[in-house]
C-alpha atoms as a PDB file:
ATOM      1  CA  MET A   1     123.858  87.251 -56.315  1.00  0.00           C
ATOM      2  CA  SER A   2     120.295  86.928 -55.445  1.00  0.00           C
ATOM      3  CA  LEU A   3     118.866  85.337 -52.379  1.00  0.00           C
ATOM      4  CA  VAL A   4     115.539  82.732 -53.648  1.00  0.00           C
ATOM      5  CA  LEU A   5     113.784  80.706 -51.306  1.00  0.00           C
ATOM      6  CA  PHE A   6     111.615  78.045 -51.698  1.00  0.00           C
ATOM      7  CA  ALA A   7     109.268  76.108 -49.507  1.00  0.00           C
ATOM      8  CA  LEU A   8     108.003  73.268 -50.313  1.00  0.00           C
ATOM      9  CA  PRO A   9     104.547  71.656 -49.659  1.00  0.00           C
ATOM     10  CA  GLY A  10     104.261  71.612 -46.253  1.00  0.00           C
ATOM     11  CA  SER A  11     106.634  73.994 -44.674  1.00  0.00           C
ATOM     12  CA  GLU A  12     104.722  76.968 -46.665  1.00  0.00           C
ATOM     13  CA  ALA A  13     103.505  78.963 -43.538  1.00  0.00           C
ATOM     14  CA  THR A  14     107.322  78.261 -42.219  1.00  0.00           C
ATOM     15  CA  GLY A  15     108.631  79.780 -45.616  1.00  0.00           C
ATOM     16  CA  ALA A  16     105.728  82.714 -45.552  1.00  0.00           C
ATOM     17  CA  ALA A  17     107.183  83.803 -42.389  1.00  0.00           C
ATOM     18  CA  ILE A  18     110.983  83.208 -42.902  1.00  0.00           C
ATOM     19  CA  GLY A  19     109.816  85.612 -45.941  1.00  0.00           C
ATOM     20  CA  SER A  20     108.108  88.049 -44.396  1.00  0.00           C
ATOM     21  CA  ILE A  21     110.986  88.844 -42.300  1.00  0.00           C
ATOM     22  CA  LEU A  22     113.765  88.615 -44.759  1.00  0.00           C
ATOM     23  CA  GLY A  23     111.434  91.107 -47.350  1.00  0.00           C
ATOM     24  CA  ILE A  24     111.371  88.561 -49.785  1.00  0.00           C
ATOM     25  CA  SER A  25     108.507  86.686 -50.836  1.00  0.00           C
ATOM     26  CA  PRO A  26     109.225  82.317 -51.357  1.00  0.00           C
ATOM     27  CA  ALA A  27     109.287  81.764 -54.861  1.00  0.00           C
ATOM     28  CA  PRO A  28     106.614  80.040 -56.523  1.00  0.00           C
ATOM     29  CA  LEU A  29     106.882  76.571 -57.380  1.00  0.00           C
ATOM     30  CA  GLU A  30     104.820  73.664 -59.640  1.00  0.00           C
ATOM     31  CA  GLU A  31     103.572  70.231 -57.993  1.00  0.00           C
ATOM     32  CA  ARG A  32     102.013  68.103 -60.292  1.00  0.00           C
ATOM     33  CA  ARG A  33     100.649  64.626 -58.694  1.00  0.00           C
ATOM     34  CA  PHE A  34     100.121  61.549 -61.318  1.00  0.00           C
ATOM     35  CA  GLU A  35      97.965  58.529 -60.713  1.00  0.00           C
ATOM     36  CA  ASP A  36     100.594  56.460 -60.262  1.00  0.00           C
ATOM     37  CA  GLY A  37     101.588  57.893 -57.187  1.00  0.00           C
ATOM     38  CA  GLU A  38     104.287  59.602 -58.803  1.00  0.00           C
ATOM     39  CA  HIS A  39     104.949  63.607 -58.538  1.00  0.00           C
ATOM     40  CA  LYS A  40     106.961  66.623 -60.019  1.00  0.00           C
ATOM     41  CA  ILE A  41     107.458  69.814 -58.682  1.00  0.00           C
ATOM     42  CA  ARG A  42     109.851  72.247 -60.478  1.00  0.00           C
ATOM     43  CA  PRO A  43     110.194  76.264 -59.419  1.00  0.00           C
ATOM     44  CA  LEU A  44     108.391  78.836 -61.866  1.00  0.00           C
ATOM     45  CA  GLU A  45     111.200  80.999 -61.257  1.00  0.00           C
ATOM     46  CA  SER A  46     114.656  81.680 -62.673  1.00  0.00           C
ATOM     47  CA  VAL A  47     117.294  80.365 -60.160  1.00  0.00           C
ATOM     48  CA  ARG A  48     120.117  80.972 -62.935  1.00  0.00           C
ATOM     49  CA  GLY A  49     122.976  82.513 -60.899  1.00  0.00           C
ATOM     50  CA  ALA A  50     121.218  82.422 -57.682  1.00  0.00           C
ATOM     51  CA  ASP A  51     121.814  81.635 -54.275  1.00  0.00           C
ATOM     52  CA  VAL A  52     119.073  79.108 -53.369  1.00  0.00           C
ATOM     53  CA  TYR A  53     117.324  77.887 -50.549  1.00  0.00           C
ATOM     54  CA  LEU A  54     115.257  74.880 -50.185  1.00  0.00           C
ATOM     55  CA  LEU A  55     112.921  74.815 -47.316  1.00  0.00           C
ATOM     56  CA  GLN A  56     111.515  71.243 -46.141  1.00  0.00           C
ATOM     57  CA  SER A  57     111.073  70.046 -42.432  1.00  0.00           C
ATOM     58  CA  LEU A  58     111.137  66.162 -43.149  1.00  0.00           C
ATOM     59  CA  HIS A  59     108.965  64.677 -40.624  1.00  0.00           C
ATOM     60  CA  ARG A  60     105.239  62.734 -41.402  1.00  0.00           C
ATOM     61  CA  ASP A  61     102.437  65.588 -41.291  1.00  0.00           C
ATOM     62  CA  GLU A  62      98.912  64.473 -42.269  1.00  0.00           C
ATOM     63  CA  LYS A  63      99.435  64.092 -46.093  1.00  0.00           C
ATOM     64  CA  ARG A  64     102.831  63.031 -46.301  1.00  0.00           C
ATOM     65  CA  SER A  65     105.243  60.591 -44.836  1.00  0.00           C
ATOM     66  CA  PRO A  66     108.752  61.594 -44.297  1.00  0.00           C
ATOM     67  CA  ASP A  67     110.030  59.632 -47.428  1.00  0.00           C
ATOM     68  CA  GLU A  68     107.285  61.416 -49.936  1.00  0.00           C
ATOM     69  CA  LYS A  69     108.994  64.807 -48.707  1.00  0.00           C
ATOM     70  CA  LEU A  70     112.697  64.129 -48.880  1.00  0.00           C
ATOM     71  CA  VAL A  71     112.278  62.080 -52.446  1.00  0.00           C
ATOM     72  CA  GLN A  72     110.282  65.677 -53.626  1.00  0.00           C
ATOM     73  CA  LEU A  73     113.058  67.405 -51.774  1.00  0.00           C
ATOM     74  CA  LEU A  74     115.924  65.337 -54.156  1.00  0.00           C
ATOM     75  CA  MET A  75     113.607  66.027 -56.938  1.00  0.00           C
ATOM     76  CA  LEU A  76     113.380  69.649 -56.895  1.00  0.00           C
ATOM     77  CA  LEU A  77     117.181  70.144 -55.458  1.00  0.00           C
ATOM     78  CA  GLY A  78     118.073  68.629 -58.829  1.00  0.00           C
ATOM     79  CA  ALA A  79     115.493  70.658 -61.033  1.00  0.00           C
ATOM     80  CA  VAL A  80     117.247  73.557 -59.462  1.00  0.00           C
ATOM     81  CA  ARG A  81     120.986  72.250 -59.820  1.00  0.00           C
ATOM     82  CA  ASP A  82     119.953  71.733 -63.480  1.00  0.00           C
ATOM     83  CA  ALA A  83     118.461  75.551 -64.119  1.00  0.00           C
ATOM     84  CA  SER A  84     122.183  76.929 -63.439  1.00  0.00           C
ATOM     85  CA  ALA A  85     121.604  78.108 -59.374  1.00  0.00           C
ATOM     86  CA  ALA A  86     124.947  79.241 -58.458  1.00  0.00           C
ATOM     87  CA  ARG A  87     124.816  77.453 -54.939  1.00  0.00           C
ATOM     88  CA  VAL A  88     121.844  75.388 -53.338  1.00  0.00           C
ATOM     89  CA  THR A  89     121.198  75.153 -49.440  1.00  0.00           C
ATOM     90  CA  VAL A  90     119.072  72.852 -48.082  1.00  0.00           C
ATOM     91  CA  ILE A  91     116.992  74.230 -44.940  1.00  0.00           C
ATOM     92  CA  ALA A  92     115.839  70.977 -42.534  1.00  0.00           C
ATOM     93  CA  PRO A  93     114.668  72.566 -39.704  1.00  0.00           C
ATOM     94  CA  TYR A  94     113.865  68.792 -38.730  1.00  0.00           C
ATOM     95  CA  LEU A  95     116.153  65.989 -40.567  1.00  0.00           C
ATOM     96  CA  CYS A  96     114.355  63.107 -41.300  1.00  0.00           C
ATOM     97  CA  TYR A  97     116.603  59.614 -40.014  1.00  0.00           C
ATOM     98  CA  SER A  98     119.068  61.357 -38.434  1.00  0.00           C
ATOM     99  CA  ARG A  99     118.256  59.288 -35.475  1.00  0.00           C
ATOM    100  CA  LYS A 100     119.342  55.923 -36.964  1.00  0.00           C
ATOM    101  CA  ASP A 101     123.254  57.365 -36.972  1.00  0.00           C
ATOM    102  CA  ALA A 102     125.412  53.619 -36.189  1.00  0.00           C
ATOM    103  CA  ARG A 103     125.127  50.443 -36.392  1.00  0.00           C
ATOM    104  CA  THR A 104     123.615  49.072 -33.212  1.00  0.00           C
ATOM    105  CA  GLN A 105     123.287  45.389 -34.352  1.00  0.00           C
ATOM    106  CA  ALA A 106     124.760  43.375 -37.124  1.00  0.00           C
ATOM    107  CA  ARG A 107     124.171  44.801 -41.027  1.00  0.00           C
ATOM    108  CA  ASP A 108     121.966  47.543 -39.186  1.00  0.00           C
ATOM    109  CA  PRO A 109     121.482  50.440 -41.671  1.00  0.00           C
ATOM    110  CA  VAL A 110     123.562  54.169 -41.120  1.00  0.00           C
ATOM    111  CA  SER A 111     120.438  56.189 -42.375  1.00  0.00           C
ATOM    112  CA  SER A 112     121.990  59.389 -41.710  1.00  0.00           C
ATOM    113  CA  ARG A 113     125.090  58.700 -43.839  1.00  0.00           C
ATOM    114  CA  TYR A 114     122.442  57.242 -47.074  1.00  0.00           C
ATOM    115  CA  VAL A 115     120.584  60.175 -46.338  1.00  0.00           C
ATOM    116  CA  ALA A 116     123.616  62.793 -46.848  1.00  0.00           C
ATOM    117  CA  GLN A 117     124.804  60.448 -49.931  1.00  0.00           C
ATOM    118  CA  LEU A 118     121.361  61.572 -51.660  1.00  0.00           C
ATOM    119  CA  LEU A 119     121.516  65.093 -51.176  1.00  0.00           C
ATOM    120  CA  GLU A 120     125.192  65.274 -52.230  1.00  0.00           C
ATOM    121  CA  ALA A 121     124.422  63.512 -55.267  1.00  0.00           C
ATOM    122  CA  LEU A 122     121.840  65.726 -56.404  1.00  0.00           C
ATOM    123  CA  GLY A 123     124.369  68.383 -56.160  1.00  0.00           C
ATOM    124  CA  CYS A 124     123.244  70.456 -52.609  1.00  0.00           C
ATOM    125  CA  ASP A 125     126.267  72.549 -51.732  1.00  0.00           C
ATOM    126  CA  ARG A 126     125.293  72.944 -48.119  1.00  0.00           C
ATOM    127  CA  ILE A 127     122.742  71.977 -45.614  1.00  0.00           C
ATOM    128  CA  LEU A 128     121.311  73.551 -42.069  1.00  0.00           C
ATOM    129  CA  THR A 129     119.315  71.340 -39.603  1.00  0.00           C
ATOM    130  CA  LEU A 130     117.930  72.472 -36.048  1.00  0.00           C
ATOM    131  CA  GLU A 131     119.109  69.818 -32.923  1.00  0.00           C
ATOM    132  CA  VAL A 132     120.080  67.056 -33.761  1.00  0.00           C
ATOM    133  CA  HIS A 133     120.522  63.634 -31.602  1.00  0.00           C
ATOM    134  CA  ASN A 134     123.888  63.870 -32.321  1.00  0.00           C
ATOM    135  CA  PRO A 135     125.706  66.690 -34.078  1.00  0.00           C
ATOM    136  CA  ALA A 136     129.091  64.971 -34.273  1.00  0.00           C
ATOM    137  CA  ALA A 137     127.442  62.005 -36.194  1.00  0.00           C
ATOM    138  CA  TYR A 138     125.076  64.566 -38.525  1.00  0.00           C
ATOM    139  CA  GLN A 139     128.346  66.751 -39.421  1.00  0.00           C
ATOM    140  CA  ASN A 140     130.442  63.791 -40.180  1.00  0.00           C
ATOM    141  CA  ALA A 141     127.684  62.174 -42.134  1.00  0.00           C
ATOM    142  CA  PHE A 142     128.226  64.815 -44.803  1.00  0.00           C
ATOM    143  CA  ARG A 143     131.183  66.036 -47.095  1.00  0.00           C
ATOM    144  CA  ILE A 144     129.381  69.497 -47.209  1.00  0.00           C
ATOM    145  CA  PRO A 145     129.350  71.953 -44.738  1.00  0.00           C
ATOM    146  CA  ALA A 146     127.209  70.792 -42.508  1.00  0.00           C
ATOM    147  CA  GLU A 147     125.408  73.146 -40.143  1.00  0.00           C
ATOM    148  CA  HIS A 148     123.741  72.546 -37.080  1.00  0.00           C
ATOM    149  CA  ILE A 149     122.191  75.236 -34.922  1.00  0.00           C
ATOM    150  CA  GLU A 150     120.886  74.051 -31.024  1.00  0.00           C
ATOM    151  CA  GLY A 151     117.410  74.993 -29.885  1.00  0.00           C
ATOM    152  CA  THR A 152     118.805  76.346 -26.585  1.00  0.00           C
ATOM    153  CA  ARG A 153     118.721  80.277 -27.216  1.00  0.00           C
ATOM    154  CA  LEU A 154     114.533  79.677 -28.057  1.00  0.00           C
ATOM    155  CA  LEU A 155     113.986  77.388 -25.793  1.00  0.00           C
ATOM    156  CA  GLY A 156     115.783  79.297 -22.919  1.00  0.00           C
ATOM    157  CA  ASP A 157     114.102  82.222 -24.234  1.00  0.00           C
ATOM    158  CA  ALA A 158     110.631  81.098 -24.147  1.00  0.00           C
ATOM    159  CA  LEU A 159     111.362  79.391 -20.364  1.00  0.00           C
ATOM    160  CA  LEU A 160     112.690  82.639 -18.868  1.00  0.00           C
ATOM    161  CA  ASP A 161     109.311  84.030 -20.040  1.00  0.00           C
ATOM    162  CA  MET A 162     107.273  81.732 -18.300  1.00  0.00           C
ATOM    163  CA  ALA A 163     108.915  81.539 -14.930  1.00  0.00           C
ATOM    164  CA  PRO A 164     111.561  83.266 -12.799  1.00  0.00           C
ATOM    165  CA  VAL A 165     113.926  80.479 -12.852  1.00  0.00           C
ATOM    166  CA  ALA A 166     117.061  81.839 -10.697  1.00  0.00           C
ATOM    167  CA  GLU A 167     116.311  78.843  -8.403  1.00  0.00           C
ATOM    168  CA  ALA A 168     116.129  76.463 -10.890  1.00  0.00           C
ATOM    169  CA  VAL A 169     117.587  73.457 -12.629  1.00  0.00           C
ATOM    170  CA  VAL A 170     118.121  72.493 -15.879  1.00  0.00           C
ATOM    171  CA  VAL A 171     117.625  68.266 -16.107  1.00  0.00           C
ATOM    172  CA  SER A 172     118.342  65.864 -18.742  1.00  0.00           C
ATOM    173  CA  PRO A 173     116.105  62.740 -19.127  1.00  0.00           C
ATOM    174  CA  ASP A 174     119.407  60.674 -19.724  1.00  0.00           C
ATOM    175  CA  PRO A 175     123.444  60.818 -19.395  1.00  0.00           C
ATOM    176  CA  GLY A 176     123.658  61.003 -23.428  1.00  0.00           C
ATOM    177  CA  GLY A 177     121.795  64.703 -23.141  1.00  0.00           C
ATOM    178  CA  VAL A 178     123.816  66.309 -20.453  1.00  0.00           C
ATOM    179  CA  LYS A 179     125.970  68.348 -23.106  1.00  0.00           C
ATOM    180  CA  ARG A 180     123.030  69.751 -24.530  1.00  0.00           C
ATOM    181  CA  ALA A 181     121.751  70.665 -20.942  1.00  0.00           C
ATOM    182  CA  GLU A 182     125.211  71.810 -19.768  1.00  0.00           C
ATOM    183  CA  HIS A 183     124.455  74.194 -23.191  1.00  0.00           C
ATOM    184  CA  LEU A 184     121.001  75.855 -21.556  1.00  0.00           C
ATOM    185  CA  ARG A 185     122.347  75.728 -18.179  1.00  0.00           C
ATOM    186  CA  ALA A 186     124.964  77.890 -19.329  1.00  0.00           C
ATOM    187  CA  TYR A 187     122.962  79.666 -21.257  1.00  0.00           C
ATOM    188  CA  LEU A 188     120.086  80.637 -18.654  1.00  0.00           C
ATOM    189  CA  SER A 189     123.219  81.190 -16.515  1.00  0.00           C
ATOM    190  CA  ARG A 190     124.484  84.323 -18.756  1.00  0.00           C
ATOM    191  CA  ARG A 191     120.892  85.796 -19.272  1.00  0.00           C
ATOM    192  CA  LEU A 192     119.886  86.043 -15.550  1.00  0.00           C
ATOM    193  CA  GLY A 193     123.829  87.406 -14.126  1.00  0.00           C
ATOM    194  CA  SER A 194     124.012  84.299 -11.570  1.00  0.00           C
ATOM    195  CA  PRO A 195     124.341  80.557 -11.580  1.00  0.00           C
ATOM    196  CA  VAL A 196     121.889  77.083 -12.828  1.00  0.00           C
ATOM    197  CA  THR A 197     122.358  74.073 -11.555  1.00  0.00           C
ATOM    198  CA  SER A 198     121.814  70.622 -13.327  1.00  0.00           C
ATOM    199  CA  ALA A 199     120.786  67.682 -12.963  1.00  0.00           C
ATOM    200  CA  PHE A 200     120.354  64.185 -14.943  1.00  0.00           C
ATOM    201  CA  MET A 201     118.353  60.929 -15.139  1.00  0.00           C
ATOM    202  CA  GLU A 202     119.724  57.395 -15.484  1.00  0.00           C
ATOM    203  CA  LYS A 203     118.430  55.348 -17.959  1.00  0.00           C
ATOM    204  CA  HIS A 204     119.491  52.088 -19.414  1.00  0.00           C
ATOM    205  CA  ARG A 205     117.524  50.805 -22.531  1.00  0.00           C
ATOM    206  CA  SER A 206     117.959  46.930 -23.290  1.00  0.00           C
ATOM    207  CA  GLY A 207     115.633  45.283 -26.172  1.00  0.00           C
ATOM    208  CA  GLY A 208     113.071  48.035 -26.143  1.00  0.00           C
ATOM    209  CA  VAL A 209     112.603  48.714 -22.524  1.00  0.00           C
ATOM    210  CA  VAL A 210     113.923  51.777 -20.314  1.00  0.00           C
ATOM    211  CA  SER A 211     114.992  51.390 -16.919  1.00  0.00           C
ATOM    212  CA  GLY A 212     117.103  53.592 -14.312  1.00  0.00           C
ATOM    213  CA  GLU A 213     115.352  55.424 -11.638  1.00  0.00           C
ATOM    214  CA  ARG A 214     118.046  57.499 -10.192  1.00  0.00           C
ATOM    215  CA  LEU A 215     117.915  61.361 -10.298  1.00  0.00           C
ATOM    216  CA  VAL A 216     121.741  62.500 -10.158  1.00  0.00           C
ATOM    217  CA  GLY A 217     121.466  66.540  -8.644  1.00  0.00           C
ATOM    218  CA  ASP A 218     119.223  68.447  -6.151  1.00  0.00           C
ATOM    219  CA  VAL A 219     116.264  69.431  -7.492  1.00  0.00           C
ATOM    220  CA  THR A 220     114.263  69.582  -3.878  1.00  0.00           C
ATOM    221  CA  GLY A 221     112.668  73.469  -3.331  1.00  0.00           C
ATOM    222  CA  LYS A 222     113.829  74.501  -7.251  1.00  0.00           C
ATOM    223  CA  THR A 223     112.264  74.721 -10.391  1.00  0.00           C
ATOM    224  CA  ALA A 224     113.118  71.831 -12.614  1.00  0.00           C
ATOM    225  CA  LEU A 225     113.722  72.672 -16.535  1.00  0.00           C
ATOM    226  CA  ILE A 226     113.838  69.335 -18.318  1.00  0.00           C
ATOM    227  CA  ILE A 227     115.332  69.420 -21.821  1.00  0.00           C
ATOM    228  CA  ASP A 228     115.572  67.267 -24.681  1.00  0.00           C
ATOM    229  CA  ASP A 229     116.109  67.821 -28.424  1.00  0.00           C
ATOM    230  CA  LEU A 230     112.711  65.805 -29.159  1.00  0.00           C
ATOM    231  CA  VAL A 231     109.282  64.723 -27.587  1.00  0.00           C
ATOM    232  CA  SER A 232     107.576  60.886 -29.651  1.00  0.00           C
ATOM    233  CA  SER A 233     105.511  58.879 -27.085  1.00  0.00           C
ATOM    234  CA  GLY A 234     106.379  61.339 -24.176  1.00  0.00           C
ATOM    235  CA  THR A 235     107.625  58.809 -21.935  1.00  0.00           C
ATOM    236  CA  SER A 236     111.261  59.844 -21.722  1.00  0.00           C
ATOM    237  CA  LEU A 237     110.400  62.824 -19.920  1.00  0.00           C
ATOM    238  CA  SER A 238     107.408  61.684 -18.209  1.00  0.00           C
ATOM    239  CA  ARG A 239     109.574  59.886 -16.298  1.00  0.00           C
ATOM    240  CA  VAL A 240     112.238  62.113 -15.065  1.00  0.00           C
ATOM    241  CA  ALA A 241     109.469  64.560 -14.837  1.00  0.00           C
ATOM    242  CA  ALA A 242     107.617  61.673 -12.030  1.00  0.00           C
ATOM    243  CA  ALA A 243     111.453  61.629 -10.506  1.00  0.00           C
ATOM    244  CA  CYS A 244     111.700  65.289  -9.965  1.00  0.00           C
ATOM    245  CA  SER A 245     108.085  65.671  -8.878  1.00  0.00           C
ATOM    246  CA  ALA A 246     108.956  62.826  -5.994  1.00  0.00           C
ATOM    247  CA  ALA A 247     112.173  64.433  -5.161  1.00  0.00           C
ATOM    248  CA  GLY A 248     110.354  67.681  -4.046  1.00  0.00           C
ATOM    249  CA  ALA A 249     110.792  70.114  -6.909  1.00  0.00           C
ATOM    250  CA  THR A 250     108.130  73.136  -6.673  1.00  0.00           C
ATOM    251  CA  ARG A 251     107.523  73.190 -10.539  1.00  0.00           C
ATOM    252  CA  ILE A 252     108.450  71.431 -13.921  1.00  0.00           C
ATOM    253  CA  LEU A 253     108.856  72.686 -16.712  1.00  0.00           C
ATOM    254  CA  ALA A 254     109.782  70.735 -20.290  1.00  0.00           C
ATOM    255  CA  ALA A 255     110.919  71.840 -23.974  1.00  0.00           C
ATOM    256  CA  ALA A 256     111.723  69.880 -26.758  1.00  0.00           C
ATOM    257  CA  THR A 257     113.321  71.600 -29.553  1.00  0.00           C
ATOM    258  CA  HIS A 258     110.579  68.663 -32.021  1.00  0.00           C
ATOM    259  CA  ALA A 259     107.606  67.627 -31.125  1.00  0.00           C
ATOM    260  CA  LEU A 260     107.346  64.141 -32.826  1.00  0.00           C
ATOM    261  CA  PHE A 261     104.410  63.279 -31.316  1.00  0.00           C
ATOM    262  CA  SER A 262     103.053  59.475 -31.534  1.00  0.00           C
ATOM    263  CA  ASN A 263      99.704  57.863 -31.001  1.00  0.00           C
ATOM    264  CA  GLU A 264     100.271  57.537 -27.351  1.00  0.00           C
ATOM    265  CA  ALA A 265     101.433  61.279 -26.421  1.00  0.00           C
ATOM    266  CA  ASP A 266      98.369  62.091 -26.072  1.00  0.00           C
ATOM    267  CA  GLU A 267      97.640  59.678 -22.599  1.00  0.00           C
ATOM    268  CA  VAL A 268     101.034  60.478 -21.841  1.00  0.00           C
ATOM    269  CA  LEU A 269     100.914  63.943 -21.751  1.00  0.00           C
ATOM    270  CA  ALA A 270      98.091  63.565 -19.755  1.00  0.00           C
ATOM    271  CA  ALA A 271      99.753  62.694 -16.948  1.00  0.00           C
ATOM    272  CA  MET A 272     102.599  63.915 -17.063  1.00  0.00           C
ATOM    273  CA  PRO A 273     103.617  65.844 -13.950  1.00  0.00           C
ATOM    274  CA  VAL A 274     104.478  69.573 -15.849  1.00  0.00           C
ATOM    275  CA  GLU A 275     103.291  72.291 -16.126  1.00  0.00           C
ATOM    276  CA  ALA A 276     104.142  73.421 -19.328  1.00  0.00           C
ATOM    277  CA  LEU A 277     105.982  71.526 -22.529  1.00  0.00           C
ATOM    278  CA  LEU A 278     107.415  73.842 -24.856  1.00  0.00           C
ATOM    279  CA  VAL A 279     107.989  72.611 -28.336  1.00  0.00           C
ATOM    280  CA  THR A 280     108.960  74.694 -31.422  1.00  0.00           C
ATOM    281  CA  ASP A 281     106.894  74.376 -34.362  1.00  0.00           C
ATOM    282  CA  THR A 282     109.716  72.625 -37.045  1.00  0.00           C
ATOM    283  CA  VAL A 283     107.332  69.475 -36.502  1.00  0.00           C
ATOM    284  CA  ALA A 284     103.132  70.148 -37.050  1.00  0.00           C
ATOM    285  CA  LEU A 285     101.062  69.680 -34.263  1.00  0.00           C
ATOM    286  CA  GLY A 286      98.555  67.739 -36.795  1.00  0.00           C
ATOM    287  CA  LEU A 287      98.963  64.395 -34.663  1.00  0.00           C
ATOM    288  CA  LEU A 288      97.729  65.716 -31.678  1.00  0.00           C
ATOM    289  CA  SER A 289      94.454  65.886 -30.076  1.00  0.00           C
ATOM    290  CA  PRO A 290      93.189  69.622 -28.571  1.00  0.00           C
ATOM    291  CA  GLN A 291      92.652  68.068 -25.092  1.00  0.00           C
ATOM    292  CA  ALA A 292      96.674  67.018 -25.063  1.00  0.00           C
ATOM    293  CA  ARG A 293      97.327  70.192 -26.449  1.00  0.00           C
ATOM    294  CA  THR A 294      96.369  72.452 -23.444  1.00  0.00           C
ATOM    295  CA  LYS A 295     100.177  71.417 -21.611  1.00  0.00           C
ATOM    296  CA  VAL A 296     101.798  72.660 -25.056  1.00  0.00           C
ATOM    297  CA  ARG A 297     103.354  75.846 -25.514  1.00  0.00           C
ATOM    298  CA  VAL A 298     104.808  76.062 -29.263  1.00  0.00           C
ATOM    299  CA  ILE A 299     107.844  78.313 -29.646  1.00  0.00           C
ATOM    300  CA  PRO A 300     108.237  79.841 -34.079  1.00  0.00           C
ATOM    301  CA  ALA A 301     111.391  78.956 -35.241  1.00  0.00           C
ATOM    302  CA  ALA A 302     111.106  81.237 -38.034  1.00  0.00           C
ATOM    303  CA  PHE A 303     112.995  84.284 -37.121  1.00  0.00           C
ATOM    304  CA  LEU A 304     116.094  81.914 -35.951  1.00  0.00           C
ATOM    305  CA  LEU A 305     115.997  80.221 -38.953  1.00  0.00           C
ATOM    306  CA  ALA A 306     115.496  83.713 -41.106  1.00  0.00           C
ATOM    307  CA  ASP A 307     118.687  84.765 -39.709  1.00  0.00           C
ATOM    308  CA  ALA A 308     120.654  81.686 -40.212  1.00  0.00           C
ATOM    309  CA  ILE A 309     119.707  82.203 -43.986  1.00  0.00           C
ATOM    310  CA  ARG A 310     120.921  85.657 -43.669  1.00  0.00           C
ATOM    311  CA  ALA A 311     123.926  84.640 -42.100  1.00  0.00           C
ATOM    312  CA  LEU A 312     124.681  81.974 -44.322  1.00  0.00           C
ATOM    313  CA  HIS A 313     123.511  84.191 -47.614  1.00  0.00           C
ATOM    314  CA  THR A 314     126.173  87.180 -46.159  1.00  0.00           C
ATOM    315  CA  ASN A 315     128.765  84.482 -45.034  1.00  0.00           C
ATOM    316  CA  THR A 316     129.223  85.626 -41.621  1.00  0.00           C
ATOM    317  CA  SER A 317     129.268  82.986 -38.398  1.00  0.00           C
ATOM    318  CA  LEU A 318     126.200  81.385 -37.168  1.00  0.00           C
ATOM    319  CA  SER A 319     127.510  80.725 -33.596  1.00  0.00           C
ATOM    320  CA  ALA A 320     125.581  83.277 -32.069  1.00  0.00           C
ATOM    321  CA  LEU A 321     122.057  82.168 -33.258  1.00  0.00           C
ATOM    322  CA  SER A 322     122.351  78.929 -30.695  1.00  0.00           C
END
């Protein structure tokens, strides 16, 4: 079964990088926009009997909202399915609405489940994404195979390249991220051949207000490596970075898989007491000013995504990729 890769608008650069690694060229698409705001998207290459991969990171960029990207993805998914593709896999490095995975107030939507139902209704056979906020909720939302890859390997290798972290402590910004921090701690310990310790920050949220000042764990005289799934305004990372600095950490590095920088991020990043913030390129940095980018180090995800597509195409395990 031949492998066909489509990179939807906004994901062309990542698609080209993945295609180069796999030794293929992303298949061409036709996109047309109409005066009323609607659009059409269709494959310009036969997909009959093919193993098709649709690449689209579902975040806001300078041209499209997550909603528009999601609708485009659904339309192409339906068109490819109607064109007799043998199997269709969605590769969504960043999956929109995945943070809203439970009802926290009366009559709340469970948005992650609704997105799953839309993809399934249009004939998606399988989905793969990177570092969702709650992997268990993500996997339970789908009735098709829902593959999940952590950013541990990408970010861990980049942290090792930046700093000698033998005297390091991996820090979670909140108790909910302890498992993610533990995965990174274990990965670094294996790579270094020596133990790395961990810590976490107390965090409470009520009415949109975050509180909690206690840092649990010892960072004194160590390199603090703060890890999270995503960064938006940067306030959570800034809060724990300040606590690590006050507790006597000698160096502070932060890392997050997805860089969903909001308008407030420029000011927060400038004041954040971190040597560097490592992020992957699953989300474009178009909303971040050049001045704020000086602290940001971008780690390409194309090699990881290419390895994942190769594994899925050959029906081999993804477990070694995280």
